[in-house]
PDB file of all heavy atoms in Angstrom:
ATOM      1  N   ASN A   1     -16.785  53.767 116.957  1.00  0.00           N
ATOM      2  CA  ASN A   1     -16.199  55.109 117.085  1.00  0.00           C
ATOM      3  C   ASN A   1     -16.184  55.608 118.524  1.00  0.00           C
ATOM      4  O   ASN A   1     -15.931  56.792 118.763  1.00  0.00           O
ATOM      5  CB  ASN A   1     -16.945  56.094 116.192  1.00  0.00           C
ATOM      6  CG  ASN A   1     -16.767  55.785 114.717  1.00  0.00           C
ATOM      7  OD1 ASN A   1     -15.708  55.357 114.284  1.00  0.00           O
ATOM      8  ND2 ASN A   1     -17.835  55.995 113.940  1.00  0.00           N
ATOM      9  N   SER A   2     -16.487  54.741 119.464  1.00  0.00           N
ATOM     10  CA  SER A   2     -16.492  55.114 120.876  1.00  0.00           C
ATOM     11  C   SER A   2     -15.285  54.497 121.585  1.00  0.00           C
ATOM     12  O   SER A   2     -14.575  53.667 121.014  1.00  0.00           O
ATOM     13  CB  SER A   2     -17.787  54.638 121.548  1.00  0.00           C
ATOM     14  OG  SER A   2     -18.925  55.176 120.907  1.00  0.00           O
ATOM     15  N   SER A   3     -15.073  54.899 122.821  1.00  0.00           N
ATOM     16  CA  SER A   3     -13.989  54.302 123.594  1.00  0.00           C
ATOM     17  C   SER A   3     -14.354  52.874 123.971  1.00  0.00           C
ATOM     18  O   SER A   3     -15.531  52.535 124.100  1.00  0.00           O
ATOM     19  CB  SER A   3     -13.701  55.127 124.850  1.00  0.00           C
ATOM     20  OG  SER A   3     -14.847  55.171 125.682  1.00  0.00           O
ATOM     21  N   VAL A   4     -13.342  52.039 124.132  1.00  0.00           N
ATOM     22  CA  VAL A   4     -13.598  50.649 124.488  1.00  0.00           C
ATOM     23  C   VAL A   4     -14.083  50.569 125.932  1.00  0.00           C
ATOM     24  O   VAL A   4     -13.726  51.395 126.774  1.00  0.00           O
ATOM     25  CB  VAL A   4     -12.349  49.766 124.299  1.00  0.00           C
ATOM     26  CG1 VAL A   4     -11.908  49.758 122.844  1.00  0.00           C
ATOM     27  CG2 VAL A   4     -11.214  50.220 125.202  1.00  0.00           C
ATOM     28  N   LYS A   5     -14.905  49.563 126.208  1.00  0.00           N
ATOM     29  CA  LYS A   5     -15.437  49.349 127.552  1.00  0.00           C
ATOM     30  C   LYS A   5     -14.887  48.085 128.197  1.00  0.00           C
ATOM     31  O   LYS A   5     -15.036  47.882 129.390  1.00  0.00           O
ATOM     32  CB  LYS A   5     -16.968  49.284 127.508  1.00  0.00           C
ATOM     33  CG  LYS A   5     -17.627  50.500 126.866  1.00  0.00           C
ATOM     34  CD  LYS A   5     -17.228  51.802 127.545  1.00  0.00           C
ATOM     35  CE  LYS A   5     -17.894  53.014 126.885  1.00  0.00           C
ATOM     36  NZ  LYS A   5     -17.404  54.295 127.446  1.00  0.00           N
ATOM     37  N   LYS A   6     -14.267  47.220 127.381  1.00  0.00           N
ATOM     38  CA  LYS A   6     -13.636  46.016 127.895  1.00  0.00           C
ATOM     39  C   LYS A   6     -12.128  46.192 127.772  1.00  0.00           C
ATOM     40  O   LYS A   6     -11.628  46.440 126.677  1.00  0.00           O
ATOM     41  CB  LYS A   6     -14.096  44.787 127.110  1.00  0.00           C
ATOM     42  CG  LYS A   6     -15.583  44.500 127.222  1.00  0.00           C
ATOM     43  CD  LYS A   6     -15.969  43.303 126.359  1.00  0.00           C
ATOM     44  CE  LYS A   6     -17.465  43.023 126.430  1.00  0.00           C
ATOM     45  NZ  LYS A   6     -17.853  41.895 125.547  1.00  0.00           N
ATOM     46  N   TYR A   7     -11.434  46.061 128.866  1.00  0.00           N
ATOM     47  CA  TYR A   7      -9.999  46.326 128.895  1.00  0.00           C
ATOM     48  C   TYR A   7      -9.242  44.999 128.951  1.00  0.00           C
ATOM     49  O   TYR A   7      -8.973  44.463 130.018  1.00  0.00           O
ATOM     50  CB  TYR A   7      -9.659  47.224 130.069  1.00  0.00           C
ATOM     51  CG  TYR A   7     -10.447  48.514 130.051  1.00  0.00           C
ATOM     52  CD1 TYR A   7     -11.380  48.796 131.054  1.00  0.00           C
ATOM     53  CD2 TYR A   7     -10.292  49.436 129.022  1.00  0.00           C
ATOM     54  CE1 TYR A   7     -12.107  49.975 131.030  1.00  0.00           C
ATOM     55  CE2 TYR A   7     -11.019  50.617 128.988  1.00  0.00           C
ATOM     56  CZ  TYR A   7     -11.928  50.877 129.999  1.00  0.00           C
ATOM     57  OH  TYR A   7     -12.654  52.038 129.967  1.00  0.00           O
ATOM     58  N   ILE A   8      -8.922  44.486 127.771  1.00  0.00           N
ATOM     59  CA  ILE A   8      -8.255  43.197 127.645  1.00  0.00           C
ATOM     60  C   ILE A   8      -7.026  43.374 126.774  1.00  0.00           C
ATOM     61  O   ILE A   8      -7.120  43.842 125.635  1.00  0.00           O
ATOM     62  CB  ILE A   8      -9.194  42.138 127.032  1.00  0.00           C
ATOM     63  CG1 ILE A   8     -10.360  41.862 127.998  1.00  0.00           C
ATOM     64  CG2 ILE A   8      -8.442  40.849 126.727  1.00  0.00           C
ATOM     65  CD1 ILE A   8     -11.409  40.938 127.429  1.00  0.00           C
ATOM     66  N   GLY A   9      -5.878  43.008 127.310  1.00  0.00           N
ATOM     67  CA  GLY A   9      -4.636  43.112 126.560  1.00  0.00           C
ATOM     68  C   GLY A   9      -3.828  41.841 126.688  1.00  0.00           C
ATOM     69  O   GLY A   9      -4.354  40.778 127.045  1.00  0.00           O
ATOM     70  N   THR A  10      -2.540  41.956 126.423  1.00  0.00           N
ATOM     71  CA  THR A  10      -1.618  40.813 126.519  1.00  0.00           C
ATOM     72  C   THR A  10      -0.630  40.995 127.661  1.00  0.00           C
ATOM     73  O   THR A  10       0.298  40.197 127.805  1.00  0.00           O
ATOM     74  CB  THR A  10      -0.824  40.658 125.210  1.00  0.00           C
ATOM     75  OG1 THR A  10      -0.050  41.855 124.995  1.00  0.00           O
ATOM     76  CG2 THR A  10      -1.743  40.422 124.025  1.00  0.00           C
ATOM     77  N   GLY A  11      -0.780  42.041 128.463  1.00  0.00           N
ATOM     78  CA  GLY A  11       0.224  42.430 129.436  1.00  0.00           C
ATOM     79  C   GLY A  11       0.332  41.514 130.635  1.00  0.00           C
ATOM     80  O   GLY A  11      -0.485  40.599 130.836  1.00  0.00           O
ATOM     81  N   PRO A  12       1.324  41.755 131.491  1.00  0.00           N
ATOM     82  CA  PRO A  12       1.594  40.873 132.631  1.00  0.00           C
ATOM     83  C   PRO A  12       0.552  40.941 133.744  1.00  0.00           C
ATOM     84  O   PRO A  12       0.474  40.051 134.580  1.00  0.00           O
ATOM     85  CB  PRO A  12       2.961  41.355 133.126  1.00  0.00           C
ATOM     86  CG  PRO A  12       3.066  42.773 132.663  1.00  0.00           C
ATOM     87  CD  PRO A  12       2.331  42.826 131.358  1.00  0.00           C
ATOM     88  N   TYR A  13      -0.256  42.012 133.750  1.00  0.00           N
ATOM     89  CA  TYR A  13      -1.310  42.147 134.760  1.00  0.00           C
ATOM     90  C   TYR A  13      -2.627  42.473 134.070  1.00  0.00           C
ATOM     91  O   TYR A  13      -2.651  43.126 133.024  1.00  0.00           O
ATOM     92  CB  TYR A  13      -0.942  43.227 135.790  1.00  0.00           C
ATOM     93  CG  TYR A  13       0.173  42.766 136.700  1.00  0.00           C
ATOM     94  CD1 TYR A  13       1.500  42.924 136.313  1.00  0.00           C
ATOM     95  CD2 TYR A  13      -0.096  42.130 137.897  1.00  0.00           C
ATOM     96  CE1 TYR A  13       2.539  42.465 137.122  1.00  0.00           C
ATOM     97  CE2 TYR A  13       0.928  41.667 138.706  1.00  0.00           C
ATOM     98  CZ  TYR A  13       2.247  41.833 138.317  1.00  0.00           C
ATOM     99  OH  TYR A  13       3.255  41.358 139.110  1.00  0.00           O
ATOM    100  N   LYS A  14      -3.707  42.011 134.650  1.00  0.00           N
ATOM    101  CA  LYS A  14      -5.027  42.205 134.056  1.00  0.00           C
ATOM    102  C   LYS A  14      -5.928  42.949 135.031  1.00  0.00           C
ATOM    103  O   LYS A  14      -5.717  42.928 136.251  1.00  0.00           O
ATOM    104  CB  LYS A  14      -5.652  40.872 133.670  1.00  0.00           C
ATOM    105  CG  LYS A  14      -5.939  39.936 134.829  1.00  0.00           C
ATOM    106  CD  LYS A  14      -6.544  38.614 134.334  1.00  0.00           C
ATOM    107  CE  LYS A  14      -6.861  37.692 135.497  1.00  0.00           C
ATOM    108  NZ  LYS A  14      -7.481  36.414 135.032  1.00  0.00           N
ATOM    109  N   LEU A  15      -6.935  43.596 134.475  1.00  0.00           N
ATOM    110  CA  LEU A  15      -7.880  44.335 135.299  1.00  0.00           C
ATOM    111  C   LEU A  15      -8.755  43.356 136.073  1.00  0.00           C
ATOM    112  O   LEU A  15      -9.394  42.480 135.488  1.00  0.00           O
ATOM    113  CB  LEU A  15      -8.759  45.226 134.413  1.00  0.00           C
ATOM    114  CG  LEU A  15      -9.835  46.049 135.137  1.00  0.00           C
ATOM    115  CD1 LEU A  15      -9.207  47.047 136.093  1.00  0.00           C
ATOM    116  CD2 LEU A  15     -10.728  46.762 134.117  1.00  0.00           C
ATOM    117  N   ALA A  16      -8.766  43.527 137.400  1.00  0.00           N
ATOM    118  CA  ALA A  16      -9.571  42.657 138.251  1.00  0.00           C
ATOM    119  C   ALA A  16     -10.798  43.369 138.794  1.00  0.00           C
ATOM    120  O   ALA A  16     -11.871  42.776 138.918  1.00  0.00           O
ATOM    121  CB  ALA A  16      -8.726  42.126 139.412  1.00  0.00           C
ATOM    122  N   GLU A  17     -10.632  44.674 139.085  1.00  0.00           N
ATOM    123  CA  GLU A  17     -11.739  45.406 139.695  1.00  0.00           C
ATOM    124  C   GLU A  17     -11.506  46.904 139.515  1.00  0.00           C
ATOM    125  O   GLU A  17     -10.372  47.375 139.597  1.00  0.00           O
ATOM    126  CB  GLU A  17     -11.837  45.057 141.191  1.00  0.00           C
ATOM    127  CG  GLU A  17     -13.039  45.644 141.894  1.00  0.00           C
ATOM    128  CD  GLU A  17     -13.108  45.233 143.356  1.00  0.00           C
ATOM    129  OE1 GLU A  17     -12.256  44.422 143.787  1.00  0.00           O
ATOM    130  OE2 GLU A  17     -13.998  45.722 144.064  1.00  0.00           O
ATOM    131  N   TRP A  18     -12.577  47.638 139.286  1.00  0.00           N
ATOM    132  CA  TRP A  18     -12.497  49.096 139.186  1.00  0.00           C
ATOM    133  C   TRP A  18     -13.641  49.680 139.991  1.00  0.00           C
ATOM    134  O   TRP A  18     -14.803  49.526 139.640  1.00  0.00           O
ATOM    135  CB  TRP A  18     -12.574  49.533 137.725  1.00  0.00           C
ATOM    136  CG  TRP A  18     -12.310  51.012 137.520  1.00  0.00           C
ATOM    137  CD1 TRP A  18     -12.281  52.001 138.470  1.00  0.00           C
ATOM    138  CD2 TRP A  18     -12.025  51.658 136.284  1.00  0.00           C
ATOM    139  NE1 TRP A  18     -11.985  53.208 137.921  1.00  0.00           N
ATOM    140  CE2 TRP A  18     -11.828  53.037 136.568  1.00  0.00           C
ATOM    141  CE3 TRP A  18     -11.918  51.213 134.963  1.00  0.00           C
ATOM    142  CZ2 TRP A  18     -11.540  53.974 135.579  1.00  0.00           C
ATOM    143  CZ3 TRP A  18     -11.630  52.147 133.985  1.00  0.00           C
ATOM    144  CH2 TRP A  18     -11.437  53.499 134.272  1.00  0.00           C
ATOM    145  N   SER A  19     -13.289  50.335 141.073  1.00  0.00           N
ATOM    146  CA  SER A  19     -14.263  51.065 141.878  1.00  0.00           C
ATOM    147  C   SER A  19     -14.061  52.543 141.586  1.00  0.00           C
ATOM    148  O   SER A  19     -13.102  53.149 142.084  1.00  0.00           O
ATOM    149  CB  SER A  19     -14.056  50.776 143.373  1.00  0.00           C
ATOM    150  OG  SER A  19     -14.999  51.479 144.156  1.00  0.00           O
ATOM    151  N   PRO A  20     -14.917  53.141 140.746  1.00  0.00           N
ATOM    152  CA  PRO A  20     -14.678  54.511 140.264  1.00  0.00           C
ATOM    153  C   PRO A  20     -14.414  55.496 141.403  1.00  0.00           C
ATOM    154  O   PRO A  20     -15.094  55.478 142.435  1.00  0.00           O
ATOM    155  CB  PRO A  20     -15.980  54.838 139.524  1.00  0.00           C
ATOM    156  CG  PRO A  20     -16.484  53.509 139.070  1.00  0.00           C
ATOM    157  CD  PRO A  20     -16.137  52.555 140.180  1.00  0.00           C
ATOM    158  N   ASP A  21     -13.390  56.336 141.175  1.00  0.00           N
ATOM    159  CA  ASP A  21     -12.972  57.361 142.128  1.00  0.00           C
ATOM    160  C   ASP A  21     -12.448  56.789 143.441  1.00  0.00           C
ATOM    161  O   ASP A  21     -12.268  57.525 144.417  1.00  0.00           O
ATOM    162  CB  ASP A  21     -14.095  58.358 142.416  1.00  0.00           C
ATOM    163  CG  ASP A  21     -14.445  59.203 141.215  1.00  0.00           C
ATOM    164  OD1 ASP A  21     -13.528  59.538 140.443  1.00  0.00           O
ATOM    165  OD2 ASP A  21     -15.638  59.521 141.034  1.00  0.00           O
ATOM    166  N   ARG A  22     -12.190  55.472 143.469  1.00  0.00           N
ATOM    167  CA  ARG A  22     -11.660  54.856 144.687  1.00  0.00           C
ATOM    168  C   ARG A  22     -10.365  54.104 144.403  1.00  0.00           C
ATOM    169  O   ARG A  22      -9.313  54.458 144.922  1.00  0.00           O
ATOM    170  CB  ARG A  22     -12.705  53.942 145.318  1.00  0.00           C
ATOM    171  CG  ARG A  22     -13.980  54.677 145.743  1.00  0.00           C
ATOM    172  CD  ARG A  22     -15.015  53.717 146.297  1.00  0.00           C
ATOM    173  NE  ARG A  22     -14.602  53.169 147.585  1.00  0.00           N
ATOM    174  CZ  ARG A  22     -14.789  51.911 147.945  1.00  0.00           C
ATOM    175  NH1 ARG A  22     -15.332  51.056 147.097  1.00  0.00           N
ATOM    176  NH2 ARG A  22     -14.423  51.496 149.145  1.00  0.00           N
ATOM    177  N   TYR A  23     -10.421  53.073 143.569  1.00  0.00           N
ATOM    178  CA  TYR A  23      -9.210  52.341 143.246  1.00  0.00           C
ATOM    179  C   TYR A  23      -9.435  51.487 142.005  1.00  0.00           C
ATOM    180  O   TYR A  23     -10.563  51.191 141.596  1.00  0.00           O
ATOM    181  CB  TYR A  23      -8.759  51.447 144.410  1.00  0.00           C
ATOM    182  CG  TYR A  23      -9.734  50.350 144.759  1.00  0.00           C
ATOM    183  CD1 TYR A  23      -9.715  49.127 144.085  1.00  0.00           C
ATOM    184  CD2 TYR A  23     -10.683  50.546 145.756  1.00  0.00           C
ATOM    185  CE1 TYR A  23     -10.608  48.131 144.393  1.00  0.00           C
ATOM    186  CE2 TYR A  23     -11.596  49.557 146.067  1.00  0.00           C
ATOM    187  CZ  TYR A  23     -11.559  48.348 145.391  1.00  0.00           C
ATOM    188  OH  TYR A  23     -12.460  47.359 145.700  1.00  0.00           O
ATOM    189  N   ILE A  24      -8.314  51.092 141.403  1.00  0.00           N
ATOM    190  CA  ILE A  24      -8.304  50.103 140.332  1.00  0.00           C
ATOM    191  C   ILE A  24      -7.378  48.983 140.791  1.00  0.00           C
ATOM    192  O   ILE A  24      -6.238  49.234 141.195  1.00  0.00           O
ATOM    193  CB  ILE A  24      -7.793  50.704 139.010  1.00  0.00           C
ATOM    194  CG1 ILE A  24      -8.773  51.769 138.508  1.00  0.00           C
ATOM    195  CG2 ILE A  24      -7.602  49.617 137.954  1.00  0.00           C
ATOM    196  CD1 ILE A  24      -8.276  52.521 137.287  1.00  0.00           C
TER     197      ILE A  24
END
């Protein structure tokens, strides 16, 4: 019932790095 913490999809680009309040 919580938000997901792993961001995995099928899209053309994937999450490589997230520096909070700086960049994704």
